[in-house]
Amino acid sequence: MSRAEINKPAPNFTLTDFKGNEVSLKDFQNKKNILLVFNRGFF
């Protein structure tokens, strides 16, 4: 995977949410703000 660059659109990717559904970044295209949180694990 290539590195993200400052002031460039983020590359599209797909991850599984906490309910097991696949979610892609492109699903949120044209939204004003997007906040991504990557949890490393739960203790």
PDB file of N, CA and C in Angstrom:
ATOM      1  N   MET A   1       0.855  -1.172   0.000  1.00  0.00           N
ATOM      2  CA  MET A   1       0.000   0.000   0.000  1.00  0.00           C
ATOM      3  C   MET A   1       0.901   1.235   0.000  1.00  0.00           C
ATOM      4  N   SER A   2       0.559   2.204  -0.793  1.00  0.00           N
ATOM      5  CA  SER A   2       1.338   3.431  -0.851  1.00  0.00           C
ATOM      6  C   SER A   2       1.041   4.326   0.353  1.00  0.00           C
ATOM      7  N   ARG A   3       1.971   5.216   0.643  1.00  0.00           N
ATOM      8  CA  ARG A   3       1.795   6.155   1.758  1.00  0.00           C
ATOM      9  C   ARG A   3       0.832   7.253   1.376  1.00  0.00           C
ATOM     10  N   ALA A   4       0.075   7.717   2.339  1.00  0.00           N
ATOM     11  CA  ALA A   4      -0.810   8.862   2.123  1.00  0.00           C
ATOM     12  C   ALA A   4       0.046  10.127   2.100  1.00  0.00           C
ATOM     13  N   GLU A   5      -0.327  11.076   1.264  1.00  0.00           N
ATOM     14  CA  GLU A   5       0.407  12.334   1.156  1.00  0.00           C
ATOM     15  C   GLU A   5      -0.432  13.486   1.693  1.00  0.00           C
ATOM     16  N   ILE A   6       0.241  14.478   2.230  1.00  0.00           N
ATOM     17  CA  ILE A   6      -0.426  15.663   2.752  1.00  0.00           C
ATOM     18  C   ILE A   6      -1.085  16.417   1.608  1.00  0.00           C
ATOM     19  N   ASN A   7      -2.292  16.909   1.844  1.00  0.00           N
ATOM     20  CA  ASN A   7      -3.075  17.690   0.873  1.00  0.00           C
ATOM     21  C   ASN A   7      -3.450  16.916  -0.384  1.00  0.00           C
ATOM     22  N   LYS A   8      -3.519  15.610  -0.283  1.00  0.00           N
ATOM     23  CA  LYS A   8      -3.961  14.744  -1.384  1.00  0.00           C
ATOM     24  C   LYS A   8      -5.126  13.895  -0.884  1.00  0.00           C
ATOM     25  N   PRO A   9      -6.037  13.524  -1.777  1.00  0.00           N
ATOM     26  CA  PRO A   9      -7.130  12.645  -1.341  1.00  0.00           C
ATOM     27  C   PRO A   9      -6.590  11.322  -0.792  1.00  0.00           C
ATOM     28  N   ALA A  10      -7.255  10.810   0.225  1.00  0.00           N
ATOM     29  CA  ALA A  10      -6.852   9.522   0.807  1.00  0.00           C
ATOM     30  C   ALA A  10      -7.142   8.398  -0.185  1.00  0.00           C
ATOM     31  N   PRO A  11      -6.302   7.382  -0.213  1.00  0.00           N
ATOM     32  CA  PRO A  11      -6.583   6.233  -1.087  1.00  0.00           C
ATOM     33  C   PRO A  11      -7.801   5.472  -0.566  1.00  0.00           C
ATOM     34  N   ASN A  12      -8.553   4.881  -1.463  1.00  0.00           N
ATOM     35  CA  ASN A  12      -9.716   4.107  -1.043  1.00  0.00           C
ATOM     36  C   ASN A  12      -9.263   2.815  -0.372  1.00  0.00           C
ATOM     37  N   PHE A  13      -9.974   2.397   0.647  1.00  0.00           N
ATOM     38  CA  PHE A  13      -9.715   1.122   1.304  1.00  0.00           C
ATOM     39  C   PHE A  13     -11.019   0.616   1.891  1.00  0.00           C
ATOM     40  N   THR A  14     -11.052  -0.669   2.184  1.00  0.00           N
ATOM     41  CA  THR A  14     -12.231  -1.308   2.764  1.00  0.00           C
ATOM     42  C   THR A  14     -11.809  -2.049   4.022  1.00  0.00           C
ATOM     43  N   LEU A  15     -12.578  -1.848   5.103  1.00  0.00           N
ATOM     44  CA  LEU A  15     -12.338  -2.526   6.372  1.00  0.00           C
ATOM     45  C   LEU A  15     -13.662  -3.079   6.887  1.00  0.00           C
ATOM     46  N   THR A  16     -13.584  -3.955   7.859  1.00  0.00           N
ATOM     47  CA  THR A  16     -14.769  -4.524   8.492  1.00  0.00           C
ATOM     48  C   THR A  16     -15.093  -3.722   9.742  1.00  0.00           C
ATOM     49  N   ASP A  17     -16.362  -3.314   9.893  1.00  0.00           N
ATOM     50  CA  ASP A  17     -16.748  -2.566  11.089  1.00  0.00           C
ATOM     51  C   ASP A  17     -17.007  -3.530  12.247  1.00  0.00           C
ATOM     52  N   PHE A  18     -17.389  -2.985  13.399  1.00  0.00           N
ATOM     53  CA  PHE A  18     -17.577  -3.801  14.599  1.00  0.00           C
ATOM     54  C   PHE A  18     -18.748  -4.763  14.496  1.00  0.00           C
ATOM     55  N   LYS A  19     -19.614  -4.574  13.500  1.00  0.00           N
ATOM     56  CA  LYS A  19     -20.737  -5.488  13.296  1.00  0.00           C
ATOM     57  C   LYS A  19     -20.438  -6.538  12.227  1.00  0.00           C
ATOM     58  N   GLY A  20     -19.243  -6.479  11.634  1.00  0.00           N
ATOM     59  CA  GLY A  20     -18.852  -7.447  10.615  1.00  0.00           C
ATOM     60  C   GLY A  20     -19.179  -7.018   9.194  1.00  0.00           C
ATOM     61  N   ASN A  21     -19.678  -5.783   9.017  1.00  0.00           N
ATOM     62  CA  ASN A  21     -20.000  -5.275   7.682  1.00  0.00           C
ATOM     63  C   ASN A  21     -18.782  -4.620   7.059  1.00  0.00           C
ATOM     64  N   GLU A  22     -18.598  -4.810   5.751  1.00  0.00           N
ATOM     65  CA  GLU A  22     -17.510  -4.143   5.055  1.00  0.00           C
ATOM     66  C   GLU A  22     -17.885  -2.696   4.768  1.00  0.00           C
ATOM     67  N   VAL A  23     -16.967  -1.793   5.063  1.00  0.00           N
ATOM     68  CA  VAL A  23     -17.183  -0.365   4.857  1.00  0.00           C
ATOM     69  C   VAL A  23     -15.993   0.174   4.074  1.00  0.00           C
ATOM     70  N   SER A  24     -16.267   0.908   2.996  1.00  0.00           N
ATOM     71  CA  SER A  24     -15.215   1.504   2.175  1.00  0.00           C
ATOM     72  C   SER A  24     -15.180   3.004   2.376  1.00  0.00           C
ATOM     73  N   LEU A  25     -14.016   3.577   2.242  1.00  0.00           N
ATOM     74  CA  LEU A  25     -13.884   5.015   2.351  1.00  0.00           C
ATOM     75  C   LEU A  25     -14.723   5.711   1.290  1.00  0.00           C
ATOM     76  N   LYS A  26     -14.825   5.109   0.114  1.00  0.00           N
ATOM     77  CA  LYS A  26     -15.606   5.729  -0.965  1.00  0.00           C
ATOM     78  C   LYS A  26     -17.090   5.833  -0.624  1.00  0.00           C
ATOM     79  N   ASP A  27     -17.572   5.047   0.362  1.00  0.00           N
ATOM     80  CA  ASP A  27     -18.965   5.138   0.806  1.00  0.00           C
ATOM     81  C   ASP A  27     -19.273   6.508   1.418  1.00  0.00           C
ATOM     82  N   PHE A  28     -18.232   7.225   1.843  1.00  0.00           N
ATOM     83  CA  PHE A  28     -18.395   8.513   2.503  1.00  0.00           C
ATOM     84  C   PHE A  28     -17.963   9.685   1.624  1.00  0.00           C
ATOM     85  N   GLN A  29     -17.738   9.395   0.345  1.00  0.00           N
ATOM     86  CA  GLN A  29     -17.313  10.447  -0.576  1.00  0.00           C
ATOM     87  C   GLN A  29     -18.359  11.565  -0.620  1.00  0.00           C
ATOM     88  N   ASN A  30     -17.886  12.798  -0.720  1.00  0.00           N
ATOM     89  CA  ASN A  30     -18.709  14.017  -0.765  1.00  0.00           C
ATOM     90  C   ASN A  30     -19.370  14.359   0.562  1.00  0.00           C
ATOM     91  N   LYS A  31     -18.939  13.737   1.645  1.00  0.00           N
ATOM     92  CA  LYS A  31     -19.369  14.141   2.984  1.00  0.00           C
ATOM     93  C   LYS A  31     -18.417  15.236   3.443  1.00  0.00           C
ATOM     94  N   LYS A  32     -18.878  16.105   4.314  1.00  0.00           N
ATOM     95  CA  LYS A  32     -18.045  17.237   4.713  1.00  0.00           C
ATOM     96  C   LYS A  32     -16.815  16.800   5.520  1.00  0.00           C
ATOM     97  N   ASN A  33     -17.016  15.991   6.539  1.00  0.00           N
ATOM     98  CA  ASN A  33     -15.905  15.557   7.395  1.00  0.00           C
ATOM     99  C   ASN A  33     -15.988  14.059   7.642  1.00  0.00           C
ATOM    100  N   ILE A  34     -14.830  13.445   7.726  1.00  0.00           N
ATOM    101  CA  ILE A  34     -14.740  12.022   8.034  1.00  0.00           C
ATOM    102  C   ILE A  34     -13.685  11.851   9.121  1.00  0.00           C
ATOM    103  N   LEU A  35     -14.024  11.145  10.189  1.00  0.00           N
ATOM    104  CA  LEU A  35     -13.085  10.849  11.260  1.00  0.00           C
ATOM    105  C   LEU A  35     -12.864   9.348  11.269  1.00  0.00           C
ATOM    106  N   LEU A  36     -11.615   8.930  11.137  1.00  0.00           N
ATOM    107  CA  LEU A  36     -11.276   7.513  11.173  1.00  0.00           C
ATOM    108  C   LEU A  36     -10.605   7.198  12.495  1.00  0.00           C
ATOM    109  N   VAL A  37     -11.014   6.104  13.120  1.00  0.00           N
ATOM    110  CA  VAL A  37     -10.409   5.664  14.372  1.00  0.00           C
ATOM    111  C   VAL A  37      -9.984   4.215  14.178  1.00  0.00           C
ATOM    112  N   PHE A  38      -8.724   3.961  14.397  1.00  0.00           N
ATOM    113  CA  PHE A  38      -8.191   2.602  14.276  1.00  0.00           C
ATOM    114  C   PHE A  38      -7.835   2.113  15.672  1.00  0.00           C
ATOM    115  N   ASN A  39      -8.613   1.179  16.206  1.00  0.00           N
ATOM    116  CA  ASN A  39      -8.327   0.598  17.515  1.00  0.00           C
ATOM    117  C   ASN A  39      -7.339  -0.541  17.335  1.00  0.00           C
ATOM    118  N   ARG A  40      -6.342  -0.577  18.193  1.00  0.00           N
ATOM    119  CA  ARG A  40      -5.333  -1.627  18.111  1.00  0.00           C
ATOM    120  C   ARG A  40      -5.800  -2.904  18.812  1.00  0.00           C
ATOM    121  N   GLY A  41      -6.747  -2.809  19.679  1.00  0.00           N
ATOM    122  CA  GLY A  41      -7.239  -3.964  20.406  1.00  0.00           C
ATOM    123  C   GLY A  41      -7.985  -3.541  21.650  1.00  0.00           C
ATOM    124  N   PHE A  42      -8.606  -4.468  22.276  1.00  0.00           N
ATOM    125  CA  PHE A  42      -9.365  -4.166  23.484  1.00  0.00           C
ATOM    126  C   PHE A  42      -8.766  -4.964  24.626  1.00  0.00           C
ATOM    127  N   PHE A  43      -8.657  -4.315  25.777  1.00  0.00           N
ATOM    128  CA  PHE A  43      -8.057  -4.967  26.938  1.00  0.00           C
ATOM    129  C   PHE A  43      -9.096  -5.261  27.966  1.00  0.00           C
TER     130      PHE A  43
END
